[in-house]
Amino acid sequence: MSEQHTYRVIVRGTWDGLTDEARARLLADAADHGMASMRFTEEGSLSYEPAPLKHFSMRYVVVSDAADGEEMAGAIAEDRAEGTLRDLGYGFRDLKSTVTDLDTMKINRKPASRR
């Protein structure tokens, strides 16, 4: 069994070809998808600004084989985003992901102050 790593992935994209109904739903739900909704979850959390209704981001937690690397984690998150957005009936394009491997990231701690 290979080692598993946990990745935080931000998938960004652009709304495209939204129907009038989809646009109305996004605008009606915008308050639920602002800055306060930004969380990394397995299911993904959608966030966007209503004006102008142009770009969006989705945040995911992906657990994947370390040997597959960050590229695979990004592909998994983008696939999840595509499925979710299609299921919701939202048109989109230009998905790009940014991946952070939580198991290899360095944490810079401030040294204790000397007195």
N, C-alpha and C. Protein backbone atom coordinates (compact mmCIF):
# COMPACT_ATOMS: atom_id res chain seq x y z
N MET A 1 0.84 -1.18 0.00
CA MET A 1 0.00 0.00 0.00
C MET A 1 0.89 1.24 0.00
N SER A 2 0.56 2.19 -0.86
CA SER A 2 1.40 3.38 -0.94
C SER A 2 0.94 4.44 0.05
N GLU A 3 1.82 5.36 0.29
CA GLU A 3 1.56 6.44 1.24
C GLU A 3 0.52 7.41 0.66
N GLN A 4 -0.39 7.85 1.51
CA GLN A 4 -1.42 8.80 1.12
C GLN A 4 -1.03 10.20 1.60
N HIS A 5 -1.28 11.19 0.77
CA HIS A 5 -1.07 12.58 1.16
C HIS A 5 -2.40 13.31 1.06
N THR A 6 -2.51 14.36 1.84
CA THR A 6 -3.70 15.21 1.81
C THR A 6 -3.34 16.50 1.11
N TYR A 7 -4.15 16.86 0.13
CA TYR A 7 -3.91 18.06 -0.67
C TYR A 7 -5.08 19.02 -0.52
N ARG A 8 -4.77 20.29 -0.49
CA ARG A 8 -5.78 21.34 -0.60
C ARG A 8 -5.68 21.87 -2.02
N VAL A 9 -6.82 21.87 -2.71
CA VAL A 9 -6.82 22.28 -4.11
C VAL A 9 -7.85 23.39 -4.32
N ILE A 10 -7.42 24.46 -4.95
CA ILE A 10 -8.33 25.52 -5.37
C ILE A 10 -8.48 25.42 -6.88
N VAL A 11 -9.72 25.20 -7.33
CA VAL A 11 -10.02 25.15 -8.76
C VAL A 11 -10.69 26.48 -9.11
N ARG A 12 -10.10 27.20 -10.06
CA ARG A 12 -10.67 28.47 -10.50
C ARG A 12 -11.18 28.32 -11.93
N GLY A 13 -12.22 29.08 -12.23
CA GLY A 13 -12.77 29.03 -13.58
C GLY A 13 -13.58 30.27 -13.88
N THR A 14 -14.14 30.27 -15.08
CA THR A 14 -14.95 31.38 -15.57
C THR A 14 -16.32 30.85 -15.94
N TRP A 15 -17.36 31.56 -15.52
CA TRP A 15 -18.71 31.18 -15.94
C TRP A 15 -18.80 31.37 -17.45
N ASP A 16 -19.53 30.47 -18.11
CA ASP A 16 -19.64 30.55 -19.56
C ASP A 16 -20.96 29.96 -20.01
N GLY A 17 -21.68 30.66 -20.84
CA GLY A 17 -22.91 30.14 -21.41
C GLY A 17 -23.99 29.87 -20.37
N LEU A 18 -24.04 30.71 -19.34
CA LEU A 18 -25.06 30.51 -18.31
C LEU A 18 -26.44 30.81 -18.88
N THR A 19 -27.40 29.96 -18.58
CA THR A 19 -28.78 30.23 -18.96
C THR A 19 -29.32 31.33 -18.05
N ASP A 20 -30.42 31.93 -18.44
CA ASP A 20 -31.04 32.95 -17.59
C ASP A 20 -31.42 32.37 -16.24
N GLU A 21 -31.90 31.11 -16.23
CA GLU A 21 -32.28 30.45 -14.98
C GLU A 21 -31.05 30.22 -14.09
N ALA A 22 -29.96 29.74 -14.67
CA ALA A 22 -28.74 29.49 -13.90
C ALA A 22 -28.20 30.80 -13.34
N ARG A 23 -28.19 31.85 -14.15
CA ARG A 23 -27.71 33.16 -13.69
C ARG A 23 -28.56 33.66 -12.53
N ALA A 24 -29.88 33.51 -12.64
CA ALA A 24 -30.79 33.96 -11.56
C ALA A 24 -30.53 33.17 -10.28
N ARG A 25 -30.30 31.84 -10.40
CA ARG A 25 -29.99 31.03 -9.21
C ARG A 25 -28.69 31.46 -8.56
N LEU A 26 -27.66 31.69 -9.38
CA LEU A 26 -26.37 32.12 -8.84
C LEU A 26 -26.50 33.46 -8.12
N LEU A 27 -27.21 34.39 -8.70
CA LEU A 27 -27.39 35.70 -8.07
C LEU A 27 -28.21 35.58 -6.79
N ALA A 28 -29.23 34.74 -6.80
CA ALA A 28 -30.06 34.56 -5.60
C ALA A 28 -29.28 33.90 -4.46
N ASP A 29 -28.34 33.03 -4.80
CA ASP A 29 -27.57 32.28 -3.80
C ASP A 29 -26.22 32.92 -3.48
N ALA A 30 -25.93 34.07 -4.06
CA ALA A 30 -24.60 34.68 -3.92
C ALA A 30 -24.19 34.90 -2.47
N ALA A 31 -25.11 35.27 -1.61
CA ALA A 31 -24.78 35.53 -0.21
C ALA A 31 -24.24 34.28 0.49
N ASP A 32 -24.64 33.11 0.01
CA ASP A 32 -24.17 31.85 0.60
C ASP A 32 -22.84 31.38 0.02
N HIS A 33 -22.32 32.11 -0.98
CA HIS A 33 -21.10 31.67 -1.66
C HIS A 33 -20.03 32.76 -1.70
N GLY A 34 -19.99 33.59 -0.67
CA GLY A 34 -18.99 34.66 -0.60
C GLY A 34 -17.77 34.23 0.19
N MET A 35 -17.05 35.20 0.69
CA MET A 35 -15.81 34.94 1.43
C MET A 35 -16.01 34.02 2.62
N ALA A 36 -17.12 34.15 3.31
CA ALA A 36 -17.37 33.35 4.51
C ALA A 36 -17.58 31.87 4.19
N SER A 37 -17.89 31.55 2.95
CA SER A 37 -18.15 30.16 2.59
C SER A 37 -16.91 29.40 2.15
N MET A 38 -15.77 30.07 2.10
CA MET A 38 -14.55 29.44 1.59
C MET A 38 -14.00 28.43 2.58
N ARG A 39 -14.25 27.17 2.30
CA ARG A 39 -13.74 26.07 3.13
C ARG A 39 -13.22 24.96 2.22
N PHE A 40 -12.22 24.27 2.68
CA PHE A 40 -11.72 23.12 1.94
C PHE A 40 -12.47 21.89 2.43
N THR A 41 -13.22 21.25 1.54
CA THR A 41 -13.98 20.06 1.87
C THR A 41 -13.80 19.02 0.76
N GLU A 42 -14.13 17.79 1.07
CA GLU A 42 -14.05 16.73 0.06
C GLU A 42 -15.06 16.99 -1.06
N GLU A 43 -16.25 17.49 -0.70
CA GLU A 43 -17.30 17.75 -1.68
C GLU A 43 -17.04 19.03 -2.47
N GLY A 44 -16.24 19.90 -1.91
CA GLY A 44 -15.93 21.18 -2.54
C GLY A 44 -16.86 22.28 -2.08
N SER A 45 -16.33 23.48 -1.98
CA SER A 45 -17.15 24.63 -1.64
C SER A 45 -16.98 25.67 -2.74
N LEU A 46 -18.10 26.16 -3.22
CA LEU A 46 -18.14 27.11 -4.33
C LEU A 46 -18.18 28.53 -3.79
N SER A 47 -17.38 29.41 -4.36
CA SER A 47 -17.43 30.82 -3.98
C SER A 47 -17.30 31.67 -5.24
N TYR A 48 -17.99 32.82 -5.22
CA TYR A 48 -17.96 33.74 -6.35
C TYR A 48 -18.53 35.09 -5.90
N GLU A 49 -18.23 36.10 -6.67
CA GLU A 49 -18.77 37.43 -6.45
C GLU A 49 -19.92 37.63 -7.43
N PRO A 50 -21.05 38.20 -6.97
CA PRO A 50 -22.19 38.36 -7.87
C PRO A 50 -22.02 39.47 -8.90
N ALA A 51 -21.20 40.45 -8.62
CA ALA A 51 -21.05 41.55 -9.56
C ALA A 51 -19.58 41.82 -9.82
N PRO A 52 -19.09 41.64 -10.98
CA PRO A 52 -19.81 41.00 -12.08
C PRO A 52 -19.75 39.48 -11.92
N LEU A 53 -20.73 38.80 -12.39
CA LEU A 53 -20.80 37.34 -12.30
C LEU A 53 -19.91 36.78 -13.41
N LYS A 54 -18.61 36.64 -13.10
CA LYS A 54 -17.66 36.25 -14.12
C LYS A 54 -16.81 35.05 -13.72
N HIS A 55 -16.15 35.12 -12.56
CA HIS A 55 -15.24 34.06 -12.14
C HIS A 55 -15.75 33.37 -10.88
N PHE A 56 -15.25 32.17 -10.64
CA PHE A 56 -15.61 31.41 -9.44
C PHE A 56 -14.41 30.60 -9.00
N SER A 57 -14.47 30.10 -7.78
CA SER A 57 -13.47 29.15 -7.30
C SER A 57 -14.18 28.08 -6.48
N MET A 58 -13.57 26.92 -6.46
CA MET A 58 -14.06 25.80 -5.66
C MET A 58 -12.86 25.26 -4.89
N ARG A 59 -13.08 24.95 -3.61
CA ARG A 59 -12.00 24.47 -2.75
C ARG A 59 -12.27 23.02 -2.36
N TYR A 60 -11.24 22.21 -2.51
CA TYR A 60 -11.35 20.77 -2.24
C TYR A 60 -10.24 20.27 -1.34
N VAL A 61 -10.55 19.22 -0.60
CA VAL A 61 -9.55 18.40 0.06
C VAL A 61 -9.51 17.10 -0.73
N VAL A 62 -8.33 16.72 -1.18
CA VAL A 62 -8.15 15.49 -1.95
C VAL A 62 -7.12 14.64 -1.24
N VAL A 63 -7.45 13.39 -0.95
CA VAL A 63 -6.50 12.43 -0.39
C VAL A 63 -6.14 11.48 -1.53
N SER A 64 -4.85 11.41 -1.82
CA SER A 64 -4.39 10.66 -2.99
C SER A 64 -3.02 10.05 -2.70
N ASP A 65 -2.63 9.08 -3.51
CA ASP A 65 -1.30 8.47 -3.36
C ASP A 65 -0.23 9.53 -3.57
N ALA A 66 0.72 9.57 -2.66
CA ALA A 66 1.81 10.54 -2.75
C ALA A 66 2.59 10.36 -4.05
N ALA A 67 2.70 9.12 -4.51
CA ALA A 67 3.46 8.84 -5.73
C ALA A 67 2.81 9.49 -6.95
N ASP A 68 1.50 9.72 -6.90
CA ASP A 68 0.80 10.35 -8.02
C ASP A 68 1.01 11.85 -8.06
N GLY A 69 1.37 12.43 -6.93
CA GLY A 69 1.75 13.83 -6.85
C GLY A 69 0.63 14.84 -6.95
N GLU A 70 1.06 16.10 -6.95
CA GLU A 70 0.13 17.22 -6.96
C GLU A 70 -0.67 17.31 -8.25
N GLU A 71 -0.07 16.91 -9.36
CA GLU A 71 -0.76 16.98 -10.64
C GLU A 71 -2.03 16.11 -10.63
N MET A 72 -1.93 14.92 -10.05
CA MET A 72 -3.09 14.04 -9.97
C MET A 72 -4.15 14.62 -9.03
N ALA A 73 -3.73 15.20 -7.92
CA ALA A 73 -4.68 15.81 -7.00
C ALA A 73 -5.43 16.94 -7.69
N GLY A 74 -4.75 17.73 -8.47
CA GLY A 74 -5.39 18.80 -9.23
C GLY A 74 -6.38 18.25 -10.24
N ALA A 75 -6.01 17.17 -10.93
CA ALA A 75 -6.90 16.56 -11.92
C ALA A 75 -8.16 15.99 -11.24
N ILE A 76 -7.99 15.39 -10.07
CA ILE A 76 -9.14 14.85 -9.34
C ILE A 76 -10.08 15.97 -8.94
N ALA A 77 -9.54 17.07 -8.42
CA ALA A 77 -10.37 18.20 -8.00
C ALA A 77 -11.08 18.83 -9.20
N GLU A 78 -10.37 18.98 -10.31
CA GLU A 78 -11.00 19.56 -11.50
C GLU A 78 -12.12 18.66 -12.01
N ASP A 79 -11.93 17.36 -11.93
CA ASP A 79 -12.98 16.42 -12.34
C ASP A 79 -14.21 16.55 -11.42
N ARG A 80 -13.96 16.67 -10.12
CA ARG A 80 -15.06 16.87 -9.17
C ARG A 80 -15.80 18.17 -9.47
N ALA A 81 -15.05 19.23 -9.75
CA ALA A 81 -15.65 20.53 -10.04
C ALA A 81 -16.51 20.44 -11.31
N GLU A 82 -15.99 19.83 -12.35
CA GLU A 82 -16.76 19.68 -13.59
C GLU A 82 -18.07 18.95 -13.33
N GLY A 83 -18.02 17.85 -12.59
CA GLY A 83 -19.23 17.09 -12.29
C GLY A 83 -20.24 17.89 -11.50
N THR A 84 -19.77 18.59 -10.48
CA THR A 84 -20.67 19.40 -9.64
C THR A 84 -21.33 20.50 -10.45
N LEU A 85 -20.53 21.23 -11.23
CA LEU A 85 -21.06 22.35 -12.00
C LEU A 85 -22.04 21.87 -13.07
N ARG A 86 -21.73 20.74 -13.71
CA ARG A 86 -22.66 20.19 -14.71
C ARG A 86 -23.96 19.74 -14.05
N ASP A 87 -23.85 19.09 -12.90
CA ASP A 87 -25.06 18.65 -12.17
C ASP A 87 -25.94 19.83 -11.79
N LEU A 88 -25.32 20.97 -11.48
CA LEU A 88 -26.07 22.17 -11.11
C LEU A 88 -26.58 22.94 -12.33
N GLY A 89 -26.11 22.55 -13.51
CA GLY A 89 -26.55 23.22 -14.73
C GLY A 89 -25.84 24.53 -15.00
N TYR A 90 -24.61 24.69 -14.51
CA TYR A 90 -23.85 25.92 -14.69
C TYR A 90 -22.80 25.73 -15.78
N GLY A 91 -22.80 26.63 -16.76
CA GLY A 91 -21.79 26.60 -17.80
C GLY A 91 -20.50 27.21 -17.28
N PHE A 92 -19.36 26.66 -17.72
CA PHE A 92 -18.05 27.12 -17.24
C PHE A 92 -16.99 26.83 -18.29
N ARG A 93 -15.82 27.44 -18.08
CA ARG A 93 -14.66 27.16 -18.93
C ARG A 93 -13.38 27.51 -18.17
N ASP A 94 -12.27 27.14 -18.75
CA ASP A 94 -10.93 27.53 -18.26
C ASP A 94 -10.65 27.12 -16.82
N LEU A 95 -10.93 25.87 -16.45
CA LEU A 95 -10.61 25.42 -15.10
C LEU A 95 -9.09 25.30 -14.94
N LYS A 96 -8.60 25.86 -13.84
CA LYS A 96 -7.17 25.76 -13.48
C LYS A 96 -7.10 25.51 -11.99
N SER A 97 -6.15 24.69 -11.60
CA SER A 97 -6.06 24.36 -10.17
C SER A 97 -4.71 24.75 -9.59
N THR A 98 -4.75 25.07 -8.30
CA THR A 98 -3.56 25.33 -7.50
C THR A 98 -3.58 24.32 -6.36
N VAL A 99 -2.49 23.59 -6.20
CA VAL A 99 -2.45 22.47 -5.26
C VAL A 99 -1.39 22.71 -4.18
N THR A 100 -1.77 22.40 -2.93
CA THR A 100 -0.82 22.43 -1.82
C THR A 100 -0.83 21.08 -1.14
N ASP A 101 0.33 20.45 -1.03
CA ASP A 101 0.47 19.17 -0.34
C ASP A 101 0.66 19.47 1.15
N LEU A 102 -0.34 19.18 1.93
CA LEU A 102 -0.28 19.50 3.36
C LEU A 102 0.75 18.66 4.11
N ASP A 103 1.10 17.50 3.56
CA ASP A 103 2.06 16.62 4.24
C ASP A 103 3.51 17.03 4.01
N THR A 104 3.76 17.90 3.04
CA THR A 104 5.14 18.31 2.77
C THR A 104 5.36 19.80 2.97
N MET A 105 4.31 20.54 3.26
CA MET A 105 4.49 21.99 3.42
C MET A 105 5.25 22.29 4.71
N LYS A 106 6.05 23.31 4.64
CA LYS A 106 6.83 23.72 5.80
C LYS A 106 6.08 24.80 6.55
N ILE A 107 6.16 24.73 7.85
CA ILE A 107 5.54 25.74 8.69
C ILE A 107 6.67 26.53 9.33
N ASN A 108 6.68 27.79 9.08
CA ASN A 108 7.70 28.68 9.67
C ASN A 108 7.16 29.18 11.00
N ARG A 109 7.81 28.77 12.05
CA ARG A 109 7.41 29.21 13.38
C ARG A 109 8.34 30.32 13.82
N LYS A 110 7.76 31.31 14.48
CA LYS A 110 8.56 32.39 15.01
C LYS A 110 9.33 31.89 16.22
N PRO A 111 10.60 32.25 16.29
CA PRO A 111 11.38 31.82 17.48
C PRO A 111 10.85 32.53 18.72
N ALA A 112 11.01 31.86 19.84
CA ALA A 112 10.59 32.46 21.12
C ALA A 112 11.43 33.71 21.36
N SER A 113 10.79 34.74 21.84
CA SER A 113 11.54 35.98 22.09
C SER A 113 12.45 35.81 23.31
N ARG A 114 13.59 36.43 23.21
CA ARG A 114 14.55 36.36 24.31
C ARG A 114 14.39 37.58 25.18
N ARG A 115 14.50 37.40 26.46
CA ARG A 115 14.39 38.53 27.37
C ARG A 115 15.63 38.67 28.17
